Amino acid sequence: LLLRTLLVSAAIVAVSSKPAGFFTRIFGATSSVRDDTGGSTCAGCALILGVVEQLGELYNTTVDNAMEKLCSYLPSSVQNPCKALIETYGPVVIELLEKEETPDVVCHAIGLCKTPAGTDMCHIFPLPSSTRHT
């Protein structure tokens, strides 16, 4: 768990070092991988929220505290943008993660991932059966 958290955190740091707006610096949307599902922004969101969940479990803390802790691990140049994202999306993220929704479901709920009509929900984590399209 700790090793996986550190590896994903390292990937976040690498992504966040790209010179761009706070959104692209946090979610890595400067990548050329962009499609009708949200592309790298969607994948970045799910990975980051996966790290938030793991930090919460590792430190036995709330989702809110885990998000703050993650921001503190990032380079100082992206800590304030990270905190701004928490202010913007935090309440919805907290509510859904505390209801044990997966990071993928949360990222779809806040609009960073999309599901085109007639397709299955794009996801990284296993989805609850209620969110799958048939």
C-alpha atoms as a PDB file:
ATOM      1  CA  LEU A   1       0.000   0.000   0.000  1.00  0.00           C
ATOM      2  CA  LEU A   2       2.705   2.481   0.962  1.00  0.00           C
ATOM      3  CA  LEU A   3       4.855   1.590  -2.046  1.00  0.00           C
ATOM      4  CA  ARG A   4       1.906   1.985  -4.416  1.00  0.00           C
ATOM      5  CA  THR A   5       1.047   5.348  -2.809  1.00  0.00           C
ATOM      6  CA  LEU A   6       4.626   6.533  -3.211  1.00  0.00           C
ATOM      7  CA  LEU A   7       4.815   5.398  -6.836  1.00  0.00           C
ATOM      8  CA  VAL A   8       1.578   7.142  -7.759  1.00  0.00           C
ATOM      9  CA  SER A   9       2.663  10.238  -5.810  1.00  0.00           C
ATOM     10  CA  ALA A  10       5.907  10.258  -7.800  1.00  0.00           C
ATOM     11  CA  ALA A  11       3.890  10.081 -11.012  1.00  0.00           C
ATOM     12  CA  ILE A  12       1.756  12.992  -9.810  1.00  0.00           C
ATOM     13  CA  VAL A  13       4.867  15.035  -9.076  1.00  0.00           C
ATOM     14  CA  ALA A  14       6.200  14.276 -12.561  1.00  0.00           C
ATOM     15  CA  VAL A  15       2.905  15.287 -14.160  1.00  0.00           C
ATOM     16  CA  SER A  16       2.562  18.403 -12.009  1.00  0.00           C
ATOM     17  CA  SER A  17       5.970  19.734 -13.103  1.00  0.00           C
ATOM     18  CA  LYS A  18       4.655  20.545 -16.574  1.00  0.00           C
ATOM     19  CA  PRO A  19       4.331  24.301 -17.123  1.00  0.00           C
ATOM     20  CA  ALA A  20       0.622  25.016 -17.587  1.00  0.00           C
ATOM     21  CA  GLY A  21      -2.483  26.122 -15.711  1.00  0.00           C
ATOM     22  CA  PHE A  22      -3.276  24.578 -12.342  1.00  0.00           C
ATOM     23  CA  PHE A  23      -5.738  22.132 -13.832  1.00  0.00           C
ATOM     24  CA  THR A  24      -3.284  20.729 -16.313  1.00  0.00           C
ATOM     25  CA  ARG A  25      -0.492  20.771 -13.742  1.00  0.00           C
ATOM     26  CA  ILE A  26      -2.514  18.691 -11.304  1.00  0.00           C
ATOM     27  CA  PHE A  27      -4.300  16.360 -13.740  1.00  0.00           C
ATOM     28  CA  GLY A  28      -1.751  16.230 -16.556  1.00  0.00           C
ATOM     29  CA  ALA A  29      -4.144  17.384 -19.277  1.00  0.00           C
ATOM     30  CA  THR A  30      -1.239  18.696 -21.362  1.00  0.00           C
ATOM     31  CA  SER A  31      -0.888  15.179 -22.722  1.00  0.00           C
ATOM     32  CA  SER A  32      -1.955  14.596 -26.293  1.00  0.00           C
ATOM     33  CA  VAL A  33      -4.163  11.752 -25.021  1.00  0.00           C
ATOM     34  CA  ARG A  34      -7.555  13.417 -25.156  1.00  0.00           C
ATOM     35  CA  ASP A  35     -10.791  11.811 -26.208  1.00  0.00           C
ATOM     36  CA  ASP A  36     -14.505  11.905 -25.561  1.00  0.00           C
ATOM     37  CA  THR A  37     -14.091  10.192 -22.160  1.00  0.00           C
ATOM     38  CA  GLY A  38     -11.801  12.813 -20.612  1.00  0.00           C
ATOM     39  CA  GLY A  39      -8.459  11.334 -21.622  1.00  0.00           C
ATOM     40  CA  SER A  40      -5.495  11.932 -19.363  1.00  0.00           C
ATOM     41  CA  THR A  41      -7.446  14.389 -17.201  1.00  0.00           C
ATOM     42  CA  CYS A  42      -9.881  11.614 -16.357  1.00  0.00           C
ATOM     43  CA  ALA A  43      -7.108   9.083 -15.716  1.00  0.00           C
ATOM     44  CA  GLY A  44      -5.180  11.593 -13.603  1.00  0.00           C
ATOM     45  CA  CYS A  45      -8.252  12.349 -11.525  1.00  0.00           C
ATOM     46  CA  ALA A  46      -8.893   8.668 -10.825  1.00  0.00           C
ATOM     47  CA  LEU A  47      -5.258   8.012  -9.916  1.00  0.00           C
ATOM     48  CA  ILE A  48      -5.057  11.023  -7.611  1.00  0.00           C
ATOM     49  CA  LEU A  49      -8.275  10.093  -5.837  1.00  0.00           C
ATOM     50  CA  GLY A  50      -6.971   6.544  -5.517  1.00  0.00           C
ATOM     51  CA  VAL A  51      -3.943   7.981  -3.718  1.00  0.00           C
ATOM     52  CA  VAL A  52      -6.250  10.061  -1.510  1.00  0.00           C
ATOM     53  CA  GLU A  53      -8.115   6.897  -0.514  1.00  0.00           C
ATOM     54  CA  GLN A  54      -4.873   5.110   0.242  1.00  0.00           C
ATOM     55  CA  LEU A  55      -3.530   8.007   2.293  1.00  0.00           C
ATOM     56  CA  GLY A  56      -6.766   7.994   4.293  1.00  0.00           C
ATOM     57  CA  GLU A  57      -6.366   4.294   4.997  1.00  0.00           C
ATOM     58  CA  LEU A  58      -2.642   4.535   5.685  1.00  0.00           C
ATOM     59  CA  TYR A  59      -2.993   7.383   8.171  1.00  0.00           C
ATOM     60  CA  ASN A  60      -6.477   6.408   9.405  1.00  0.00           C
ATOM     61  CA  THR A  61      -7.768   9.860   8.604  1.00  0.00           C
ATOM     62  CA  THR A  62     -10.663  11.573   6.855  1.00  0.00           C
ATOM     63  CA  VAL A  63     -10.876  12.150   3.105  1.00  0.00           C
ATOM     64  CA  ASP A  64     -10.463  15.894   3.726  1.00  0.00           C
ATOM     65  CA  ASN A  65      -7.260  15.393   5.717  1.00  0.00           C
ATOM     66  CA  ALA A  66      -5.949  12.904   3.144  1.00  0.00           C
ATOM     67  CA  MET A  67      -6.464  15.464   0.345  1.00  0.00           C
ATOM     68  CA  GLU A  68      -4.619  18.108   2.376  1.00  0.00           C
ATOM     69  CA  LYS A  69      -1.812  15.624   3.064  1.00  0.00           C
ATOM     70  CA  LEU A  70      -1.492  14.844  -0.647  1.00  0.00           C
ATOM     71  CA  CYS A  71      -1.176  18.551  -1.467  1.00  0.00           C
ATOM     72  CA  SER A  72       1.565  18.862   1.138  1.00  0.00           C
ATOM     73  CA  TYR A  73       3.564  16.111  -0.648  1.00  0.00           C
ATOM     74  CA  LEU A  74       3.538  17.977  -3.956  1.00  0.00           C
ATOM     75  CA  PRO A  75       6.168  20.533  -4.985  1.00  0.00           C
ATOM     76  CA  SER A  76       5.513  23.985  -3.550  1.00  0.00           C
ATOM     77  CA  SER A  77       4.737  25.313  -7.038  1.00  0.00           C
ATOM     78  CA  VAL A  78       1.538  23.243  -7.194  1.00  0.00           C
ATOM     79  CA  GLN A  79       0.462  23.148  -3.547  1.00  0.00           C
ATOM     80  CA  ASN A  80      -1.769  26.219  -3.863  1.00  0.00           C
ATOM     81  CA  PRO A  81      -3.402  24.991  -7.091  1.00  0.00           C
ATOM     82  CA  CYS A  82      -3.948  21.635  -5.378  1.00  0.00           C
ATOM     83  CA  LYS A  83      -5.650  23.397  -2.454  1.00  0.00           C
ATOM     84  CA  ALA A  84      -7.780  25.377  -4.923  1.00  0.00           C
ATOM     85  CA  LEU A  85      -8.965  22.095  -6.440  1.00  0.00           C
ATOM     86  CA  ILE A  86      -9.897  20.887  -2.960  1.00  0.00           C
ATOM     87  CA  GLU A  87     -11.929  24.051  -2.401  1.00  0.00           C
ATOM     88  CA  THR A  88     -13.692  23.575  -5.729  1.00  0.00           C
ATOM     89  CA  TYR A  89     -14.292  19.822  -5.738  1.00  0.00           C
ATOM     90  CA  GLY A  90     -13.644  18.849  -2.119  1.00  0.00           C
ATOM     91  CA  PRO A  91     -17.216  18.721  -0.811  1.00  0.00           C
ATOM     92  CA  VAL A  92     -18.429  16.419  -3.609  1.00  0.00           C
ATOM     93  CA  VAL A  93     -15.276  14.284  -3.464  1.00  0.00           C
ATOM     94  CA  ILE A  94     -15.564  13.908   0.315  1.00  0.00           C
ATOM     95  CA  GLU A  95     -19.251  13.008   0.148  1.00  0.00           C
ATOM     96  CA  LEU A  96     -18.798  10.375  -2.547  1.00  0.00           C
ATOM     97  CA  LEU A  97     -15.609   8.790  -1.208  1.00  0.00           C
ATOM     98  CA  GLU A  98     -17.153   8.571   2.254  1.00  0.00           C
ATOM     99  CA  LYS A  99     -20.078   6.740   0.618  1.00  0.00           C
ATOM    100  CA  GLU A 100     -17.416   4.312  -0.661  1.00  0.00           C
ATOM    101  CA  GLU A 101     -17.794   5.248  -4.325  1.00  0.00           C
ATOM    102  CA  THR A 102     -14.758   4.451  -6.461  1.00  0.00           C
ATOM    103  CA  PRO A 103     -12.433   7.222  -7.672  1.00  0.00           C
ATOM    104  CA  ASP A 104     -13.765   6.640 -11.206  1.00  0.00           C
ATOM    105  CA  VAL A 105     -17.343   7.296 -10.114  1.00  0.00           C
ATOM    106  CA  VAL A 106     -16.240  10.459  -8.292  1.00  0.00           C
ATOM    107  CA  CYS A 107     -14.338  11.757 -11.339  1.00  0.00           C
ATOM    108  CA  HIS A 108     -17.412  11.198 -13.508  1.00  0.00           C
ATOM    109  CA  ALA A 109     -19.569  12.987 -10.917  1.00  0.00           C
ATOM    110  CA  ILE A 110     -17.362  16.097 -10.946  1.00  0.00           C
ATOM    111  CA  GLY A 111     -17.243  16.136 -14.748  1.00  0.00           C
ATOM    112  CA  LEU A 112     -13.595  15.236 -15.348  1.00  0.00           C
ATOM    113  CA  CYS A 113     -14.561  11.905 -16.918  1.00  0.00           C
ATOM    114  CA  LYS A 114     -17.347  11.366 -19.407  1.00  0.00           C
ATOM    115  CA  THR A 115     -19.258   8.378 -20.699  1.00  0.00           C
ATOM    116  CA  PRO A 116     -20.378   8.730 -24.318  1.00  0.00           C
ATOM    117  CA  ALA A 117     -23.900   7.497 -24.986  1.00  0.00           C
ATOM    118  CA  GLY A 118     -24.127   3.787 -25.634  1.00  0.00           C
ATOM    119  CA  THR A 119     -20.733   2.962 -24.141  1.00  0.00           C
ATOM    120  CA  ASP A 120     -19.588   1.454 -20.869  1.00  0.00           C
ATOM    121  CA  MET A 121     -18.173   3.765 -18.241  1.00  0.00           C
ATOM    122  CA  CYS A 122     -14.414   4.144 -18.672  1.00  0.00           C
ATOM    123  CA  HIS A 123     -12.696   3.191 -15.428  1.00  0.00           C
ATOM    124  CA  ILE A 124      -9.455   2.216 -13.717  1.00  0.00           C
ATOM    125  CA  PHE A 125     -10.941   0.717 -10.555  1.00  0.00           C
ATOM    126  CA  PRO A 126     -13.609  -2.025 -10.413  1.00  0.00           C
ATOM    127  CA  LEU A 127     -17.033  -0.450 -10.659  1.00  0.00           C
ATOM    128  CA  PRO A 128     -20.083  -1.230  -8.572  1.00  0.00           C
ATOM    129  CA  SER A 129     -22.616  -3.119 -10.680  1.00  0.00           C
ATOM    130  CA  SER A 130     -25.070  -0.200 -10.420  1.00  0.00           C
ATOM    131  CA  THR A 131     -22.793   2.076 -12.498  1.00  0.00           C
ATOM    132  CA  ARG A 132     -22.219  -0.280 -15.422  1.00  0.00           C
ATOM    133  CA  HIS A 133     -24.164   0.194 -18.644  1.00  0.00           C
ATOM    134  CA  THR A 134     -25.787  -2.900 -20.073  1.00  0.00           C
END
